[in-house]
Structures are given as structure tokens and as C-alpha cells.
Amino acid sequence: MKRRIFLTGALALPALSQPALAAFEVSRSREEWRAMLTEAEFHVMREEGTERAYTSPLNDETRAGSFLCKGCDLPLYSSRHKFDSGTGWPSFWQALPNAVETKPDRKLFVTRTECHCRRCGSHMGHIFDDGPAPTGKRHCINGIAMTFRPA
């Protein structure tokens, strides 16, 4: 019995020694995020939810300009990289340099690539390998997580 307790504790030690999740440059408490975002924005940006397709006005935005993170105003995407993917979400073939970070998302039955704002960690959407040249990538982004700034 004592050996089992020792082994269980020994196996748990590596997990405890893992570094804490990276802190973001812009950091807010859950309560602060809730106060500044609508319920739908909070669900997408802080709980990695997804807005319904074709519900964001940014899907149809065609003016020149930048798409910014709604959580911290970091420019994430340029209108030059936007394209109509026919999916119902704003789509881009690349992000601006040093704007988004990625991580594996295994919530569904397949591993996807989740992307989030590198400055505040807000969930933006997912990146797929079915986009146009020159990258072949499709950044499928929740419009509710962004604002648009005309050029």
C-alpha cells in the first residue's frame, strides 16, 4: 500500500514541475473580461467558442484596412490578405507578423490548429490547410472577436 502511494506521488511530480501557462502582455481577470465583453464575445474570445456562420458583418467587409483584436486592439489581419472562403466567417490567407499564436485544438474528433491573439490570448478561430496561394492556409476567424479599422 505504501509503495502504491509513493509511486502515485512520484508520477504526479513531473506534472507539478511543468511551467505555468505563458502570461500574456495584456492580462485581465475573468471578471474584467466579462465586464468589457458581451456574453457572446466572452464565449468566443475567452471560452474558445464559435460564432454562427454568416452572422458577422466583418465577413462582408471589403474596405482597405486592418482587423484588430477586440480584446486589446492589436492589429491581427490586413484586408490585403482577406478572401471570400464561402464558409461564413472572415477568412485570411495569413496573419500580420507577430500577431497570432497557435496551439493544437483536440476538442472535436480531429486535431485542428487554434489561433489566438499573441498579446491578450483571446481566441480568434482556426487555421486550415485549404486556403489560396501563396500560403495555402485559411485563417477562419470569428468576426465577433475583431474590430475593423479603415485605412
C-alpha atoms as a PDB file:
ATOM      1  CA  MET A   1       0.000   0.000   0.000  1.00  0.00           C
ATOM      2  CA  LYS A   2       2.776   2.456   0.921  1.00  0.00           C
ATOM      3  CA  ARG A   3       4.583   1.662  -2.330  1.00  0.00           C
ATOM      4  CA  ARG A   4       1.413   2.459  -4.320  1.00  0.00           C
ATOM      5  CA  ILE A   5       1.072   5.843  -2.579  1.00  0.00           C
ATOM      6  CA  PHE A   6       4.765   6.580  -3.221  1.00  0.00           C
ATOM      7  CA  LEU A   7       4.509   5.627  -6.900  1.00  0.00           C
ATOM      8  CA  THR A   8       1.350   7.691  -7.377  1.00  0.00           C
ATOM      9  CA  GLY A   9       3.068  10.708  -5.820  1.00  0.00           C
ATOM     10  CA  ALA A  10       6.230  10.171  -7.854  1.00  0.00           C
ATOM     11  CA  LEU A  11       4.245  10.011 -11.082  1.00  0.00           C
ATOM     12  CA  ALA A  12       2.494  13.288 -10.231  1.00  0.00           C
ATOM     13  CA  LEU A  13       5.726  15.229  -9.616  1.00  0.00           C
ATOM     14  CA  PRO A  14       6.593  15.829 -13.290  1.00  0.00           C
ATOM     15  CA  ALA A  15       3.157  17.363 -13.842  1.00  0.00           C
ATOM     16  CA  LEU A  16       3.672  19.693 -10.901  1.00  0.00           C
ATOM     17  CA  SER A  17       7.063  20.782 -12.202  1.00  0.00           C
ATOM     18  CA  GLN A  18       5.670  21.921 -15.580  1.00  0.00           C
ATOM     19  CA  PRO A  19       5.941  25.665 -16.146  1.00  0.00           C
ATOM     20  CA  ALA A  20       2.789  27.715 -15.705  1.00  0.00           C
ATOM     21  CA  LEU A  21       0.911  28.775 -18.808  1.00  0.00           C
ATOM     22  CA  ALA A  22       2.557  31.717 -20.503  1.00  0.00           C
ATOM     23  CA  ALA A  23       1.334  35.079 -19.301  1.00  0.00           C
ATOM     24  CA  PHE A  24       0.184  37.474 -21.965  1.00  0.00           C
ATOM     25  CA  GLU A  25       1.282  41.083 -22.312  1.00  0.00           C
ATOM     26  CA  VAL A  26      -2.336  42.180 -21.722  1.00  0.00           C
ATOM     27  CA  SER A  27      -3.803  40.260 -18.820  1.00  0.00           C
ATOM     28  CA  ARG A  28      -7.210  40.680 -17.200  1.00  0.00           C
ATOM     29  CA  SER A  29      -9.197  38.745 -14.634  1.00  0.00           C
ATOM     30  CA  ARG A  30     -12.215  36.728 -15.698  1.00  0.00           C
ATOM     31  CA  GLU A  31     -14.412  39.406 -14.106  1.00  0.00           C
ATOM     32  CA  GLU A  32     -12.660  42.201 -16.034  1.00  0.00           C
ATOM     33  CA  TRP A  33     -13.128  40.327 -19.318  1.00  0.00           C
ATOM     34  CA  ARG A  34     -16.815  39.761 -18.512  1.00  0.00           C
ATOM     35  CA  ALA A  35     -17.287  43.480 -17.778  1.00  0.00           C
ATOM     36  CA  MET A  36     -15.771  44.617 -21.087  1.00  0.00           C
ATOM     37  CA  LEU A  37     -17.228  41.987 -23.437  1.00  0.00           C
ATOM     38  CA  THR A  38     -20.743  40.968 -24.348  1.00  0.00           C
ATOM     39  CA  GLU A  39     -21.806  37.459 -23.399  1.00  0.00           C
ATOM     40  CA  ALA A  40     -21.284  36.260 -26.983  1.00  0.00           C
ATOM     41  CA  GLU A  41     -17.857  37.943 -27.246  1.00  0.00           C
ATOM     42  CA  PHE A  42     -16.791  36.418 -23.926  1.00  0.00           C
ATOM     43  CA  HIS A  43     -17.906  32.961 -25.049  1.00  0.00           C
ATOM     44  CA  VAL A  44     -15.851  33.156 -28.253  1.00  0.00           C
ATOM     45  CA  MET A  45     -12.801  35.051 -27.026  1.00  0.00           C
ATOM     46  CA  ARG A  46     -12.339  33.622 -23.531  1.00  0.00           C
ATOM     47  CA  GLU A  47     -14.047  30.209 -23.756  1.00  0.00           C
ATOM     48  CA  GLU A  48     -12.926  29.322 -27.301  1.00  0.00           C
ATOM     49  CA  GLY A  49     -16.457  29.267 -28.658  1.00  0.00           C
ATOM     50  CA  THR A  50     -17.505  29.806 -32.268  1.00  0.00           C
ATOM     51  CA  GLU A  51     -19.978  32.334 -33.612  1.00  0.00           C
ATOM     52  CA  ARG A  52     -22.627  31.143 -36.057  1.00  0.00           C
ATOM     53  CA  ALA A  53     -21.623  31.352 -39.711  1.00  0.00           C
ATOM     54  CA  TYR A  54     -22.752  34.419 -41.668  1.00  0.00           C
ATOM     55  CA  THR A  55     -23.560  36.427 -38.522  1.00  0.00           C
ATOM     56  CA  SER A  56     -20.598  38.823 -38.523  1.00  0.00           C
ATOM     57  CA  PRO A  57     -20.669  41.995 -40.623  1.00  0.00           C
ATOM     58  CA  LEU A  58     -16.884  41.602 -40.944  1.00  0.00           C
ATOM     59  CA  ASN A  59     -17.460  38.617 -43.209  1.00  0.00           C
ATOM     60  CA  ASP A  60     -18.662  41.054 -45.891  1.00  0.00           C
ATOM     61  CA  GLU A  61     -16.145  43.840 -45.124  1.00  0.00           C
ATOM     62  CA  THR A  62     -14.294  44.772 -48.326  1.00  0.00           C
ATOM     63  CA  ARG A  63     -12.734  48.146 -47.497  1.00  0.00           C
ATOM     64  CA  ALA A  64      -8.974  48.558 -47.158  1.00  0.00           C
ATOM     65  CA  GLY A  65      -7.860  48.455 -43.553  1.00  0.00           C
ATOM     66  CA  SER A  66      -6.880  46.322 -40.588  1.00  0.00           C
ATOM     67  CA  PHE A  67      -8.730  43.816 -38.437  1.00  0.00           C
ATOM     68  CA  LEU A  68      -7.870  44.270 -34.750  1.00  0.00           C
ATOM     69  CA  CYS A  69      -8.280  42.066 -31.692  1.00  0.00           C
ATOM     70  CA  LYS A  70     -11.355  43.245 -29.797  1.00  0.00           C
ATOM     71  CA  GLY A  71      -9.622  42.369 -26.529  1.00  0.00           C
ATOM     72  CA  CYS A  72      -6.523  44.560 -26.879  1.00  0.00           C
ATOM     73  CA  ASP A  73      -6.641  46.400 -30.254  1.00  0.00           C
ATOM     74  CA  LEU A  74      -3.612  44.569 -31.656  1.00  0.00           C
ATOM     75  CA  PRO A  75      -3.731  44.575 -35.479  1.00  0.00           C
ATOM     76  CA  LEU A  76      -4.066  40.911 -36.482  1.00  0.00           C
ATOM     77  CA  TYR A  77      -5.009  40.809 -40.168  1.00  0.00           C
ATOM     78  CA  SER A  78      -4.830  43.062 -43.207  1.00  0.00           C
ATOM     79  CA  SER A  79      -7.631  43.453 -45.734  1.00  0.00           C
ATOM     80  CA  ARG A  80      -4.983  42.646 -48.381  1.00  0.00           C
ATOM     81  CA  HIS A  81      -4.936  39.061 -47.082  1.00  0.00           C
ATOM     82  CA  LYS A  82      -8.716  38.616 -46.797  1.00  0.00           C
ATOM     83  CA  PHE A  83     -10.642  36.395 -49.207  1.00  0.00           C
ATOM     84  CA  ASP A  84     -14.154  35.014 -49.562  1.00  0.00           C
ATOM     85  CA  SER A  85     -13.915  31.385 -48.486  1.00  0.00           C
ATOM     86  CA  GLY A  86     -17.655  30.785 -48.729  1.00  0.00           C
ATOM     87  CA  THR A  87     -17.661  29.460 -45.155  1.00  0.00           C
ATOM     88  CA  GLY A  88     -19.498  32.355 -43.498  1.00  0.00           C
ATOM     89  CA  TRP A  89     -16.550  33.525 -41.409  1.00  0.00           C
ATOM     90  CA  PRO A  90     -13.971  36.206 -42.232  1.00  0.00           C
ATOM     91  CA  SER A  91     -11.058  34.352 -43.832  1.00  0.00           C
ATOM     92  CA  PHE A  92      -7.450  35.372 -44.412  1.00  0.00           C
ATOM     93  CA  TRP A  93      -4.542  33.574 -46.051  1.00  0.00           C
ATOM     94  CA  GLN A  94      -2.084  34.951 -43.488  1.00  0.00           C
ATOM     95  CA  ALA A  95      -1.909  36.993 -40.294  1.00  0.00           C
ATOM     96  CA  LEU A  96       0.192  40.085 -39.786  1.00  0.00           C
ATOM     97  CA  PRO A  97       3.718  39.347 -38.494  1.00  0.00           C
ATOM     98  CA  ASN A  98       3.909  38.544 -34.765  1.00  0.00           C
ATOM     99  CA  ALA A  99       0.131  38.913 -34.358  1.00  0.00           C
ATOM    100  CA  VAL A 100      -1.273  35.442 -33.658  1.00  0.00           C
ATOM    101  CA  GLU A 101      -0.044  32.345 -31.891  1.00  0.00           C
ATOM    102  CA  THR A 102      -1.300  28.815 -32.371  1.00  0.00           C
ATOM    103  CA  LYS A 103      -1.894  25.648 -30.384  1.00  0.00           C
ATOM    104  CA  PRO A 104      -3.392  22.230 -31.109  1.00  0.00           C
ATOM    105  CA  ASP A 105      -7.152  22.002 -30.546  1.00  0.00           C
ATOM    106  CA  ARG A 106      -8.367  18.465 -29.892  1.00  0.00           C
ATOM    107  CA  LYS A 107     -11.917  19.310 -28.810  1.00  0.00           C
ATOM    108  CA  LEU A 108     -13.571  17.621 -31.781  1.00  0.00           C
ATOM    109  CA  PHE A 109     -12.725  14.236 -33.251  1.00  0.00           C
ATOM    110  CA  VAL A 110      -9.834  15.679 -35.261  1.00  0.00           C
ATOM    111  CA  THR A 111      -6.871  17.834 -34.268  1.00  0.00           C
ATOM    112  CA  ARG A 112      -7.191  21.387 -35.544  1.00  0.00           C
ATOM    113  CA  THR A 113      -4.911  24.411 -35.207  1.00  0.00           C
ATOM    114  CA  GLU A 114      -6.419  27.060 -32.938  1.00  0.00           C
ATOM    115  CA  CYS A 115      -5.183  30.645 -33.244  1.00  0.00           C
ATOM    116  CA  HIS A 116      -5.317  33.368 -30.642  1.00  0.00           C
ATOM    117  CA  CYS A 117      -4.085  36.929 -30.174  1.00  0.00           C
ATOM    118  CA  ARG A 118      -0.457  36.802 -29.106  1.00  0.00           C
ATOM    119  CA  ARG A 119      -0.890  39.894 -26.882  1.00  0.00           C
ATOM    120  CA  CYS A 120      -4.004  39.029 -24.829  1.00  0.00           C
ATOM    121  CA  GLY A 121      -4.658  35.369 -25.646  1.00  0.00           C
ATOM    122  CA  SER A 122      -8.156  35.927 -26.999  1.00  0.00           C
ATOM    123  CA  HIS A 123      -9.399  33.054 -29.156  1.00  0.00           C
ATOM    124  CA  MET A 124      -9.750  34.101 -32.790  1.00  0.00           C
ATOM    125  CA  GLY A 125     -10.554  30.902 -34.664  1.00  0.00           C
ATOM    126  CA  HIS A 126      -8.742  28.111 -36.503  1.00  0.00           C
ATOM    127  CA  ILE A 127      -6.227  27.707 -39.309  1.00  0.00           C
ATOM    128  CA  PHE A 128      -6.841  25.152 -42.050  1.00  0.00           C
ATOM    129  CA  ASP A 129      -4.743  23.923 -44.979  1.00  0.00           C
ATOM    130  CA  ASP A 130      -7.341  24.622 -47.668  1.00  0.00           C
ATOM    131  CA  GLY A 131      -6.650  28.286 -48.414  1.00  0.00           C
ATOM    132  CA  PRO A 132      -5.459  30.051 -51.551  1.00  0.00           C
ATOM    133  CA  ALA A 133      -1.914  30.699 -52.757  1.00  0.00           C
ATOM    134  CA  PRO A 134       0.582  31.823 -51.730  1.00  0.00           C
ATOM    135  CA  THR A 135       0.251  30.157 -48.289  1.00  0.00           C
ATOM    136  CA  GLY A 136      -2.410  27.505 -48.836  1.00  0.00           C
ATOM    137  CA  LYS A 137      -3.744  28.476 -45.399  1.00  0.00           C
ATOM    138  CA  ARG A 138      -7.222  29.617 -44.385  1.00  0.00           C
ATOM    139  CA  HIS A 139      -7.420  31.544 -41.133  1.00  0.00           C
ATOM    140  CA  CYS A 140     -11.108  31.052 -40.314  1.00  0.00           C
ATOM    141  CA  ILE A 141     -11.736  33.846 -37.815  1.00  0.00           C
ATOM    142  CA  ASN A 142     -14.673  34.729 -35.589  1.00  0.00           C
ATOM    143  CA  GLY A 143     -15.673  38.243 -36.632  1.00  0.00           C
ATOM    144  CA  ILE A 144     -17.099  38.872 -33.169  1.00  0.00           C
ATOM    145  CA  ALA A 145     -13.527  38.740 -31.808  1.00  0.00           C
ATOM    146  CA  MET A 146     -12.307  41.600 -34.032  1.00  0.00           C
ATOM    147  CA  THR A 147     -12.933  45.220 -34.890  1.00  0.00           C
ATOM    148  CA  PHE A 148     -12.212  46.831 -38.258  1.00  0.00           C
ATOM    149  CA  ARG A 149     -10.116  49.969 -38.701  1.00  0.00           C
ATOM    150  CA  PRO A 150     -10.366  51.514 -42.191  1.00  0.00           C
ATOM    151  CA  ALA A 151      -7.092  52.549 -43.842  1.00  0.00           C
END
